[in-house]
């Protein structure tokens, strides 16, 4: 009977061991399922964040391109305007120089005319006095 009792105890121990193994397996399965769900949620979150970052990067690249285009356009416009102003300044300087030359010529002609007038008046006064 001791052998039967020992066999019965072994079957009971085996049954308890199998129940414990099944419970441990069940617990590990639930933990695995939870971790898998967490990983899936993290993957979805990463994908969403990555997509948003990509969109922001694309938007920043477009804004940078547009800013560079505006800057280049402004630089071209400024360069063109500067060239135009330099040309105008040269024209004005040339006109000022020409005006100065003409003014000097007019002053000489005026002085000559005054000298001639004075000489003519002196000559006329001399002839009138005689």
Foldseek 3Di string as FASTA:
>chain_A
DVVVVVVVVVVVVVVVVVVVVVVVVVVVVVVVVVVVVVVVVVVVVVVVVVVVVVVVVVVVVVVVVVVVVVVVVVVVVVVVVVVVVVVVVVVVVVVVVVVVVVVVVVVVVVVVVVVVVVVVVVVVVVVVVD
